Amino acid sequence: MAITALTTISGTIDSQPFNDNFSYVAQEFNTHLAENVSVKNYGAVGDGITDDIAALDAAQAALIALGGGLLILPIGVYRITRTFYIENGIQALGFGFSTSPIVRGATTILKDGNFEGIAIRGAYAGIENLTVDGETGNADLGIRLIGARSFMKKITVMNQGGNGIEIGDVIGTSVNLWKLADIITLKNGGDGVYINSNVHPTLPNANAGYLLGLDARGNTGDGLHIRNAVDNTFINIACQGNTGIGIHLSEGAEGNYFPLPYTENNTGGQQILDVGADRNFIIGYRSGTGSDEIIDNGIGNYILGRHGQVPNQPPFVKSLIVFKEMMVKDGTLSGHWHFRQSSADRSLEMALAGTSASPVVAKFVHDGAGRIKVLVPELMIGADTDNPVINHFHARVALDHPSIPAHTTSDVSASVPGATVKDIVTATPDTIQSGLTWNAFVYANNLVKIRIANITTNTIDPPNLIWNIDVWQRIT
């Protein structure tokens, strides 16, 4: 039976069921606002004992015949023994949702059995202002949202055997532009909210949606778990006391935006980004556990201004955004420092460029054995550049050694500008010939001598060698 006007319904119902954030829904239903069906007029009892699923289906069928509109669920507990499917253009509207897992909302759907409680499979369909509770011993999830541009508002899902809410479908149906607001998930057997399009990672279909307000508490799984979902927005998210992770981004979670998320006392960790969770944005992250506990194993994620309750811990920026190159410049000075990674050997290069001063290039190279080599033409180490503790000078030269008889030595000289007598010298050839040993020393200012010894019983004629000569000069 159709109810001819909203004013004939007892209780409080807005003339438009959603605020500006949900105005698209109001527009969608604008032509059907006069078509409203109460489930009580089709046999629903709402006493928590009677199986009301047939009455709910009948009421929705009558509303679909009228072109869609509001499916009214007056105050009561509606027991169901199979999934209640919400179809295209239907909005199921209750009269109150719960904030406690032991107190049911004014309108409650009571799932009694092992099945999905509600499946919103229609486009532009949704539910508002009700609770989905699970009878003792039930299994499976509370609500699955699988229709494009579908929605939930002012919904509590509690005591389910599986996940509280799932967004996404196993067959890859598009759930893009989903919308949730004012969601509470309490003491469910899985995740509070699980978002996963369940298709190949390169074809996510739970994208461009938003969740405005989540209170996820006491769930056996994660508070909020996102996998294979792209470019969604999550605002006012609070995940507390869950057995799993507070906020968990798994493989395929990319480009998702979190301003000011909050987590506290989640056993599995506060916020974790797995390998494959990339280029997500987390702004102003807050942990109430005394430490930040944010773990980022992805690539290109941007974490800005996180802070915990550790005393005197300053806010800071933790960013793993990948830069191909970066420039640091003071606008009042000429020149700039240029940072880049070499594509040839993965070394980090720093160069001073754009100035008339002598160019400087430094390289940090991994040697493959857990060590870093610093390659610079000259180096000064000290409290400041005017009073260095150590100077370093480097030269790379080609030297031709004569034949060396058995058990004798041969000297050759190389120019190393800046070297002085008593400086420490190391010299290494590009290739090492068996039977030869050597040492190096400064024998006059700017001159280094390399002495090679033949320790064999035969004459050795060394080939032309390229020598890397490093002079270390301690300043007192």
Protein backbone atom coordinates (compact mmCIF):
# COMPACT_ATOMS: atom_id res chain seq x y z
CA MET A 1 0.00 0.00 0.00
CA ALA A 2 1.32 3.45 -0.84
CA ILE A 3 1.48 6.17 1.80
CA THR A 4 0.45 9.38 0.07
CA ALA A 5 2.57 11.86 2.04
CA LEU A 6 5.56 11.89 4.32
CA THR A 7 3.59 13.79 6.96
CA THR A 8 1.39 10.73 7.56
CA ILE A 9 4.35 8.74 8.95
CA SER A 10 4.92 8.83 12.70
CA GLY A 11 8.38 9.74 13.87
CA THR A 12 10.93 12.20 12.48
CA ILE A 13 11.77 12.05 8.80
CA ASP A 14 13.45 14.90 6.92
CA SER A 15 11.59 16.22 3.89
CA GLN A 16 14.78 15.34 2.02
CA PRO A 17 16.36 12.19 3.46
CA PHE A 18 19.95 13.36 3.01
CA ASN A 19 21.97 16.48 3.54
CA ASP A 20 23.90 18.27 0.83
CA ASN A 21 26.48 15.50 0.72
CA PHE A 22 23.72 13.17 -0.40
CA SER A 23 21.77 15.62 -2.57
CA TYR A 24 22.24 13.39 -5.57
CA VAL A 25 20.07 10.81 -3.77
CA ALA A 26 17.33 13.33 -3.07
CA GLN A 27 17.32 14.29 -6.73
CA GLU A 28 17.12 10.65 -7.78
CA PHE A 29 14.06 10.13 -5.60
CA ASN A 30 12.52 13.52 -6.32
CA THR A 31 9.93 12.13 -8.73
CA HIS A 32 8.95 9.35 -6.29
CA LEU A 33 8.61 11.15 -2.97
CA ALA A 34 4.87 10.54 -2.99
CA GLU A 35 5.49 6.78 -3.29
CA ASN A 36 6.24 5.37 0.15
CA VAL A 37 5.48 1.90 1.38
CA SER A 38 5.48 0.70 4.99
CA VAL A 39 6.49 -2.90 5.56
CA LYS A 40 3.83 -3.09 8.29
CA ASN A 41 1.17 -2.81 5.60
CA TYR A 42 2.49 -6.00 3.99
CA GLY A 43 2.51 -8.21 7.04
CA ALA A 44 5.75 -7.35 8.83
CA VAL A 45 5.38 -7.71 12.60
CA GLY A 46 8.70 -6.35 13.95
CA ASP A 47 8.56 -8.31 17.22
CA GLY A 48 12.00 -9.95 16.87
CA ILE A 49 10.37 -13.41 16.76
CA THR A 50 8.31 -13.55 13.58
CA ASP A 51 10.20 -14.14 10.33
CA ASP A 52 9.55 -10.88 8.45
CA ILE A 53 11.63 -11.50 5.32
CA ALA A 54 8.62 -12.35 3.10
CA ALA A 55 6.81 -9.20 4.21
CA LEU A 56 9.89 -7.07 3.49
CA ASP A 57 10.19 -8.57 0.01
CA ALA A 58 6.48 -8.04 -0.69
CA ALA A 59 6.59 -4.41 0.42
CA GLN A 60 9.63 -3.73 -1.76
CA ALA A 61 7.98 -5.41 -4.77
CA ALA A 62 4.95 -3.16 -4.37
CA LEU A 63 7.21 -0.10 -4.19
CA ILE A 64 9.12 -1.18 -7.29
CA ALA A 65 5.79 -1.45 -9.13
CA LEU A 66 5.13 2.17 -8.21
CA GLY A 67 8.48 3.25 -9.67
CA GLY A 68 10.61 3.18 -6.50
CA GLY A 69 10.75 5.38 -3.43
CA LEU A 70 10.94 5.04 0.35
CA LEU A 71 10.56 1.65 2.00
CA ILE A 72 9.52 2.54 5.53
CA LEU A 73 10.55 0.28 8.43
CA PRO A 74 8.74 1.60 11.53
CA ILE A 75 10.15 1.06 15.01
CA GLY A 76 10.62 -2.63 15.66
CA VAL A 77 12.95 -5.64 15.37
CA TYR A 78 12.53 -7.38 12.02
CA ARG A 79 13.83 -10.96 12.10
CA ILE A 80 14.99 -12.34 8.74
CA THR A 81 16.11 -15.86 7.79
CA ARG A 82 17.60 -15.10 4.37
CA THR A 83 19.23 -12.16 2.61
CA PHE A 84 17.15 -9.03 2.09
CA TYR A 85 18.12 -7.56 -1.30
CA ILE A 86 17.69 -3.82 -1.89
CA GLU A 87 16.93 -3.18 -5.56
CA ASN A 88 17.29 -0.22 -7.97
CA GLY A 89 15.89 3.08 -6.75
CA ILE A 90 14.83 1.80 -3.32
CA GLN A 91 15.70 3.55 -0.08
CA ALA A 92 14.97 1.59 3.10
CA LEU A 93 14.37 4.06 5.91
CA GLY A 94 14.26 3.21 9.62
CA PHE A 95 13.73 5.25 12.78
CA GLY A 96 16.94 4.86 14.77
CA PHE A 97 20.31 3.13 14.93
CA SER A 98 22.37 1.85 17.87
CA THR A 99 25.62 3.00 19.47
CA SER A 100 26.04 -0.02 21.76
CA PRO A 101 26.46 -3.72 20.82
CA ILE A 102 24.03 -4.71 23.60
CA VAL A 103 21.27 -2.19 22.82
CA ARG A 104 19.41 -2.45 19.53
CA GLY A 105 18.37 0.58 17.56
CA ALA A 106 14.74 1.72 17.26
CA THR A 107 14.63 -0.03 13.89
CA THR A 108 16.65 -3.25 13.78
CA ILE A 109 17.07 -5.97 11.19
CA LEU A 110 17.87 -9.18 13.10
CA LYS A 111 19.79 -11.69 11.00
CA ASP A 112 19.07 -15.24 12.17
CA GLY A 113 21.26 -17.70 10.27
CA ASN A 114 24.35 -18.05 8.10
CA PHE A 115 23.88 -15.62 5.21
CA GLU A 116 24.46 -12.02 4.20
CA GLY A 117 21.98 -9.90 6.10
CA ILE A 118 21.34 -7.12 3.56
CA ALA A 119 22.69 -6.87 0.02
CA ILE A 120 22.31 -3.47 -1.63
CA ARG A 121 22.60 -4.59 -5.24
CA GLY A 122 20.60 -1.91 -6.98
CA ALA A 123 22.01 1.33 -8.35
CA TYR A 124 20.97 4.51 -6.54
CA ALA A 125 19.71 2.30 -3.72
CA GLY A 126 20.46 2.41 -0.04
CA ILE A 127 19.50 2.22 3.61
CA GLU A 128 19.30 4.81 6.35
CA ASN A 129 18.82 5.08 10.10
CA LEU A 130 18.69 1.46 11.21
CA THR A 131 20.69 -1.32 12.90
CA VAL A 132 21.62 -4.74 11.53
CA ASP A 133 22.15 -7.14 14.43
CA GLY A 134 23.22 -10.78 14.38
CA GLU A 135 21.46 -13.48 16.34
CA THR A 136 23.74 -15.64 18.50
CA GLY A 137 25.62 -18.20 16.39
CA ASN A 138 25.06 -16.46 13.06
CA ALA A 139 27.75 -16.52 10.37
CA ASP A 140 28.67 -14.42 7.31
CA LEU A 141 28.54 -10.64 6.99
CA GLY A 142 25.98 -8.01 7.91
CA ILE A 143 25.67 -5.75 4.84
CA ARG A 144 27.18 -6.03 1.37
CA LEU A 145 27.08 -3.02 -0.95
CA ILE A 146 27.40 -4.07 -4.60
CA GLY A 147 25.41 -1.48 -6.54
CA ALA A 148 27.00 1.49 -8.26
CA ARG A 149 26.23 4.85 -6.67
CA SER A 150 24.52 3.14 -3.76
CA PHE A 151 24.69 4.37 -0.18
CA MET A 152 24.31 3.87 3.56
CA LYS A 153 23.71 6.52 6.20
CA LYS A 154 23.30 6.29 9.99
CA ILE A 155 23.83 2.54 10.06
CA THR A 156 25.03 0.27 12.87
CA VAL A 157 26.17 -3.28 12.11
CA MET A 158 26.92 -5.44 15.14
CA ASN A 159 27.38 -9.00 16.37
CA GLN A 160 27.82 -10.50 12.91
CA GLY A 161 29.69 -13.77 12.52
CA GLY A 162 31.77 -12.33 9.65
CA ASN A 163 32.59 -8.83 8.44
CA GLY A 164 30.26 -6.04 9.45
CA ILE A 165 30.11 -4.26 6.08
CA GLU A 166 31.63 -5.25 2.74
CA ILE A 167 31.86 -3.02 -0.31
CA GLY A 168 32.54 -4.94 -3.51
CA ASP A 169 31.43 -8.07 -5.30
CA VAL A 170 33.15 -11.32 -6.20
CA ILE A 171 32.06 -11.10 -9.83
CA GLY A 172 33.66 -7.72 -10.41
CA THR A 173 30.47 -5.67 -10.56
CA SER A 174 31.16 -1.94 -10.50
CA VAL A 175 30.62 -0.44 -7.05
CA ASN A 176 32.17 2.88 -8.01
CA LEU A 177 30.94 6.10 -6.40
CA TRP A 178 29.71 4.33 -3.27
CA LYS A 179 28.81 6.58 -0.33
CA LEU A 180 28.70 5.87 3.41
CA ALA A 181 28.08 8.30 6.28
CA ASP A 182 27.77 7.91 10.06
CA ILE A 183 28.65 4.23 10.21
CA ILE A 184 29.17 2.19 13.40
CA THR A 185 30.51 -1.38 13.43
CA LEU A 186 30.56 -3.19 16.78
CA LYS A 187 31.84 -6.61 17.84
CA ASN A 188 31.67 -8.32 14.47
CA GLY A 189 33.52 -11.58 13.84
CA GLY A 190 35.57 -10.14 10.94
CA ASP A 191 36.51 -6.65 9.82
CA GLY A 192 34.34 -3.71 10.75
CA VAL A 193 34.37 -2.42 7.16
CA TYR A 194 36.05 -4.33 4.33
CA ILE A 195 36.41 -2.72 0.88
CA ASN A 196 37.56 -4.99 -1.94
CA SER A 197 36.38 -5.21 -5.54
CA ASN A 198 37.61 -8.83 -5.63
CA VAL A 199 38.82 -8.74 -9.22
CA HIS A 200 42.23 -8.56 -10.83
CA PRO A 201 44.34 -5.86 -9.13
CA THR A 202 44.64 -3.91 -12.36
CA LEU A 203 40.83 -3.61 -12.63
CA PRO A 204 39.57 -2.32 -9.29
CA ASN A 205 35.83 -1.56 -9.19
CA ALA A 206 35.27 -0.03 -5.74
CA ASN A 207 36.60 3.43 -6.55
CA ALA A 208 35.84 7.13 -6.09
CA GLY A 209 33.66 6.55 -3.06
CA TYR A 210 33.69 8.15 0.36
CA LEU A 211 33.16 7.23 4.00
CA LEU A 212 32.21 10.18 6.22
CA GLY A 213 32.41 9.07 9.82
CA LEU A 214 33.30 5.55 10.99
CA ASP A 215 33.28 4.24 14.57
CA ALA A 216 34.76 0.73 14.40
CA ARG A 217 35.09 -0.91 17.83
CA GLY A 218 35.68 -4.38 19.19
CA ASN A 219 35.72 -6.23 15.87
CA THR A 220 37.66 -9.50 15.69
CA GLY A 221 39.32 -8.47 12.42
CA ASP A 222 40.50 -5.02 11.33
CA GLY A 223 38.58 -1.85 12.03
CA LEU A 224 38.83 -0.72 8.39
CA HIS A 225 40.43 -2.92 5.73
CA ILE A 226 40.94 -1.69 2.15
CA ARG A 227 42.16 -3.91 -0.68
CA ASN A 228 42.08 -3.34 -4.43
CA ALA A 229 40.20 -0.03 -4.20
CA VAL A 230 41.36 3.24 -5.71
CA ASP A 231 40.92 6.97 -5.07
CA ASN A 232 38.44 6.84 -2.20
CA THR A 233 38.11 9.41 0.61
CA PHE A 234 37.88 8.55 4.32
CA ILE A 235 37.02 11.37 6.75
CA ASN A 236 36.53 11.19 10.54
CA ILE A 237 37.68 7.59 10.85
CA ALA A 238 38.11 6.15 14.35
CA CYS A 239 39.12 2.52 14.90
CA GLN A 240 39.53 1.39 18.52
CA GLY A 241 39.95 -1.87 20.37
CA ASN A 242 39.86 -4.17 17.35
CA THR A 243 41.70 -7.48 17.51
CA GLY A 244 43.23 -6.93 14.08
CA ILE A 245 44.71 -3.72 12.68
CA GLY A 246 43.03 -0.37 13.18
CA ILE A 247 43.35 0.87 9.59
CA HIS A 248 44.77 -1.68 7.16
CA LEU A 249 45.66 -0.94 3.53
CA SER A 250 46.47 -4.08 1.54
CA GLU A 251 47.64 -4.76 -2.02
CA GLY A 252 45.79 -2.69 -4.59
CA ALA A 253 44.74 0.07 -2.16
CA GLU A 254 45.97 3.10 -4.09
CA GLY A 255 45.36 6.83 -4.07
CA ASN A 256 43.10 6.75 -1.02
CA TYR A 257 42.87 9.91 1.11
CA PHE A 258 42.76 9.99 4.93
CA PRO A 259 42.60 13.39 6.67
CA LEU A 260 43.02 13.09 10.46
CA PRO A 261 42.40 9.36 11.00
CA TYR A 262 42.41 8.11 14.61
CA THR A 263 43.29 4.67 15.99
CA GLU A 264 43.74 3.33 19.50
CA ASN A 265 44.43 0.01 21.25
CA ASN A 266 44.14 -2.23 18.20
CA THR A 267 45.94 -5.51 18.91
CA GLY A 268 47.31 -6.11 15.41
CA GLY A 269 48.71 -2.59 14.97
CA GLN A 270 47.38 0.92 14.57
CA GLN A 271 47.85 1.65 10.87
CA ILE A 272 49.66 -0.61 8.41
CA LEU A 273 50.23 -0.17 4.69
CA ASP A 274 51.22 -3.47 3.07
CA VAL A 275 53.40 -4.05 0.04
CA GLY A 276 51.27 -3.04 -2.94
CA ALA A 277 49.41 -0.29 -1.04
CA ASP A 278 50.82 2.68 -2.93
CA ARG A 279 50.48 6.48 -3.33
CA ASN A 280 47.95 6.87 -0.52
CA PHE A 281 47.65 10.15 1.40
CA ILE A 282 47.49 10.19 5.22
CA ILE A 283 47.26 13.69 6.65
CA GLY A 284 47.54 14.43 10.38
CA TYR A 285 47.44 10.83 11.59
CA ARG A 286 46.67 10.47 15.31
CA SER A 287 47.27 7.50 17.60
CA GLY A 288 45.94 7.35 21.12
CA THR A 289 48.19 4.50 22.18
CA GLY A 290 51.24 6.53 23.18
CA SER A 291 53.08 5.90 19.93
CA ASP A 292 52.37 6.39 16.26
CA GLU A 293 52.81 2.75 15.18
CA ILE A 294 52.31 3.52 11.52
CA ILE A 295 54.06 1.03 9.27
CA ASP A 296 54.49 1.81 5.58
CA ASN A 297 55.64 -1.01 3.30
CA GLY A 298 54.19 0.50 0.14
CA ILE A 299 55.62 2.86 -2.45
CA GLY A 300 54.96 6.57 -2.86
CA ASN A 301 52.66 6.93 0.15
CA TYR A 302 52.53 10.42 1.63
CA ILE A 303 52.27 10.64 5.42
CA LEU A 304 52.12 14.21 6.69
CA GLY A 305 52.22 15.52 10.25
CA ARG A 306 51.49 12.36 12.15
CA HIS A 307 51.52 12.68 15.93
CA GLY A 308 50.91 10.47 18.96
CA GLN A 309 50.55 10.96 22.69
CA VAL A 310 54.24 10.55 23.42
CA PRO A 311 55.30 13.55 25.58
CA ASN A 312 57.33 16.21 23.78
CA GLN A 313 57.13 14.39 20.47
CA PRO A 314 57.14 17.04 17.74
CA PRO A 315 54.96 16.60 14.68
CA PHE A 316 56.88 15.76 11.55
CA VAL A 317 56.52 14.79 7.94
CA LYS A 318 57.16 11.24 6.86
CA SER A 319 56.99 11.08 3.09
CA LEU A 320 57.91 8.26 0.78
CA ILE A 321 56.87 10.11 -2.34
CA VAL A 322 59.24 9.12 -5.10
CA PHE A 323 61.10 12.00 -6.71
CA LYS A 324 63.07 11.38 -9.87
CA GLU A 325 65.09 14.52 -9.17
CA MET A 326 65.01 17.26 -6.55
CA MET A 327 66.46 20.75 -6.34
CA VAL A 328 67.20 22.79 -3.21
CA LYS A 329 67.68 26.52 -3.74
CA ASP A 330 67.84 29.74 -1.72
CA GLY A 331 66.30 32.47 -3.84
CA THR A 332 68.76 35.06 -2.54
CA LEU A 333 71.82 33.14 -3.80
CA SER A 334 73.01 31.97 -7.17
CA GLY A 335 73.17 28.26 -7.88
CA HIS A 336 71.33 25.30 -6.44
CA TRP A 337 71.93 21.79 -5.14
CA HIS A 338 70.65 19.09 -7.44
CA PHE A 339 69.83 15.61 -6.09
CA ARG A 340 69.22 12.62 -8.35
CA GLN A 341 69.66 8.87 -8.52
CA SER A 342 71.93 7.49 -11.20
CA SER A 343 70.18 5.07 -13.55
CA ALA A 344 73.51 3.35 -14.14
CA ASP A 345 74.43 2.20 -10.64
CA ARG A 346 71.63 3.45 -8.31
CA SER A 347 74.06 5.85 -6.65
CA LEU A 348 72.81 9.10 -5.15
CA GLU A 349 74.40 12.11 -6.81
CA MET A 350 74.58 15.61 -5.37
CA ALA A 351 75.78 18.44 -7.56
CA LEU A 352 76.16 22.18 -7.07
CA ALA A 353 75.09 23.79 -10.34
CA GLY A 354 73.97 27.11 -11.76
CA THR A 355 76.76 29.17 -10.22
CA SER A 356 80.15 30.53 -11.22
CA ALA A 357 81.75 28.75 -8.26
CA SER A 358 83.70 25.58 -8.92
CA PRO A 359 81.21 22.75 -9.52
CA VAL A 360 80.99 20.04 -6.86
CA VAL A 361 79.72 16.52 -7.50
CA ALA A 362 79.46 13.86 -4.79
CA LYS A 363 78.25 10.28 -5.17
CA PHE A 364 77.03 7.82 -2.55
CA VAL A 365 77.43 4.29 -3.87
CA HIS A 366 76.37 0.99 -2.34
CA ASP A 367 79.24 -1.44 -2.59
CA GLY A 368 77.09 -4.58 -2.53
CA ALA A 369 78.39 -5.63 0.88
CA GLY A 370 76.25 -3.48 3.15
CA ARG A 371 78.55 -0.44 2.98
CA ILE A 372 78.33 2.98 1.39
CA LYS A 373 81.20 4.46 -0.59
CA VAL A 374 81.41 8.25 -0.79
CA LEU A 375 83.05 9.42 -4.00
CA VAL A 376 84.11 13.06 -4.03
CA PRO A 377 86.96 14.95 -5.69
CA GLU A 378 87.80 16.71 -2.41
CA LEU A 379 86.37 16.48 1.07
CA MET A 380 86.61 18.56 4.24
CA ILE A 381 85.21 17.26 7.52
CA GLY A 382 84.87 19.55 10.51
CA ALA A 383 82.73 21.82 12.59
CA ASP A 384 82.68 24.36 9.74
CA THR A 385 84.31 24.81 6.36
CA ASP A 386 86.75 27.46 7.64
CA ASN A 387 88.23 25.13 10.27
CA PRO A 388 87.98 21.55 8.96
CA VAL A 389 89.37 18.64 10.95
CA ILE A 390 90.14 16.53 7.86
CA ASN A 391 90.83 17.47 4.26
CA HIS A 392 90.63 14.96 1.47
CA PHE A 393 92.17 15.10 -1.98
CA HIS A 394 91.66 12.61 -4.78
CA ALA A 395 93.41 11.94 -8.06
CA ARG A 396 92.90 9.29 -10.73
CA VAL A 397 95.99 8.91 -12.90
CA ALA A 398 97.52 6.51 -15.46
CA LEU A 399 101.06 5.40 -14.57
CA ASP A 400 103.58 3.33 -16.55
CA HIS A 401 105.89 1.23 -14.38
CA PRO A 402 109.14 -0.17 -15.84
CA SER A 403 110.10 -3.82 -15.56
CA ILE A 404 110.87 -4.78 -11.95
CA PRO A 405 113.58 -7.42 -11.31
CA ALA A 406 113.01 -10.09 -8.69
CA HIS A 407 113.05 -8.86 -5.07
CA THR A 408 113.44 -5.17 -6.05
CA THR A 409 111.21 -2.09 -6.03
CA SER A 410 110.24 0.59 -8.52
CA ASP A 411 108.97 4.13 -7.82
CA VAL A 412 106.65 6.31 -9.90
CA SER A 413 105.27 9.76 -9.05
CA ALA A 414 101.82 11.35 -9.39
CA SER A 415 100.58 14.88 -8.89
CA VAL A 416 97.89 15.36 -6.19
CA PRO A 417 97.30 19.10 -5.64
CA GLY A 418 96.92 19.98 -1.96
CA ALA A 419 98.89 17.00 -0.63
CA THR A 420 101.56 17.78 1.95
CA VAL A 421 104.31 15.73 3.57
CA LYS A 422 103.06 13.51 6.45
CA ASP A 423 99.54 13.24 4.98
CA ILE A 424 97.98 9.77 4.88
CA VAL A 425 97.83 8.23 1.41
CA THR A 426 95.95 5.26 -0.02
CA ALA A 427 96.46 4.11 -3.59
CA THR A 428 94.59 1.35 -5.44
CA PRO A 429 95.02 0.23 -9.06
CA ASP A 430 92.03 -0.74 -11.19
CA THR A 431 93.66 -4.15 -11.75
CA ILE A 432 95.96 -6.05 -9.38
CA GLN A 433 98.81 -8.21 -10.67
CA SER A 434 99.93 -11.26 -8.74
CA GLY A 435 103.38 -11.03 -7.15
CA LEU A 436 103.35 -7.27 -6.57
CA THR A 437 102.83 -5.25 -3.41
CA TRP A 438 102.89 -1.46 -3.01
CA ASN A 439 102.63 1.48 -0.71
CA ALA A 440 102.20 5.23 -1.26
CA PHE A 441 103.36 8.39 0.50
CA VAL A 442 103.70 12.14 -0.02
CA TYR A 443 107.35 12.90 -0.63
CA ALA A 444 106.91 16.59 -1.51
CA ASN A 445 104.05 19.05 -1.53
CA ASN A 446 101.49 18.10 -4.20
CA LEU A 447 103.47 14.95 -5.12
CA VAL A 448 102.75 11.33 -4.21
CA LYS A 449 105.16 8.46 -4.78
CA ILE A 450 103.90 4.90 -5.37
CA ARG A 451 106.51 2.24 -4.60
CA ILE A 452 105.88 -1.24 -6.08
CA ALA A 453 107.77 -4.30 -4.81
CA ASN A 454 108.33 -7.50 -6.81
CA ILE A 455 108.20 -10.31 -4.24
CA THR A 456 108.72 -13.10 -6.74
CA THR A 457 111.88 -14.74 -8.11
CA ASN A 458 111.16 -13.54 -11.65
CA THR A 459 111.17 -10.17 -13.40
CA ILE A 460 107.71 -8.62 -13.76
CA ASP A 461 106.81 -5.96 -16.32
CA PRO A 462 103.56 -4.39 -15.02
CA PRO A 463 101.08 -3.08 -17.60
CA ASN A 464 100.04 0.56 -17.65
CA LEU A 465 97.82 0.97 -14.58
CA ILE A 466 95.05 3.39 -13.59
CA TRP A 467 95.55 4.41 -9.97
CA ASN A 468 92.98 5.91 -7.57
CA ILE A 469 94.94 8.01 -5.08
CA ASP A 470 93.35 9.42 -1.93
CA VAL A 471 95.16 11.78 0.42
CA TRP A 472 93.78 12.40 3.92
CA GLN A 473 95.07 15.47 5.70
CA ARG A 474 94.43 16.08 9.39
CA ILE A 475 94.37 19.73 10.38
CA THR A 476 95.40 20.66 13.92
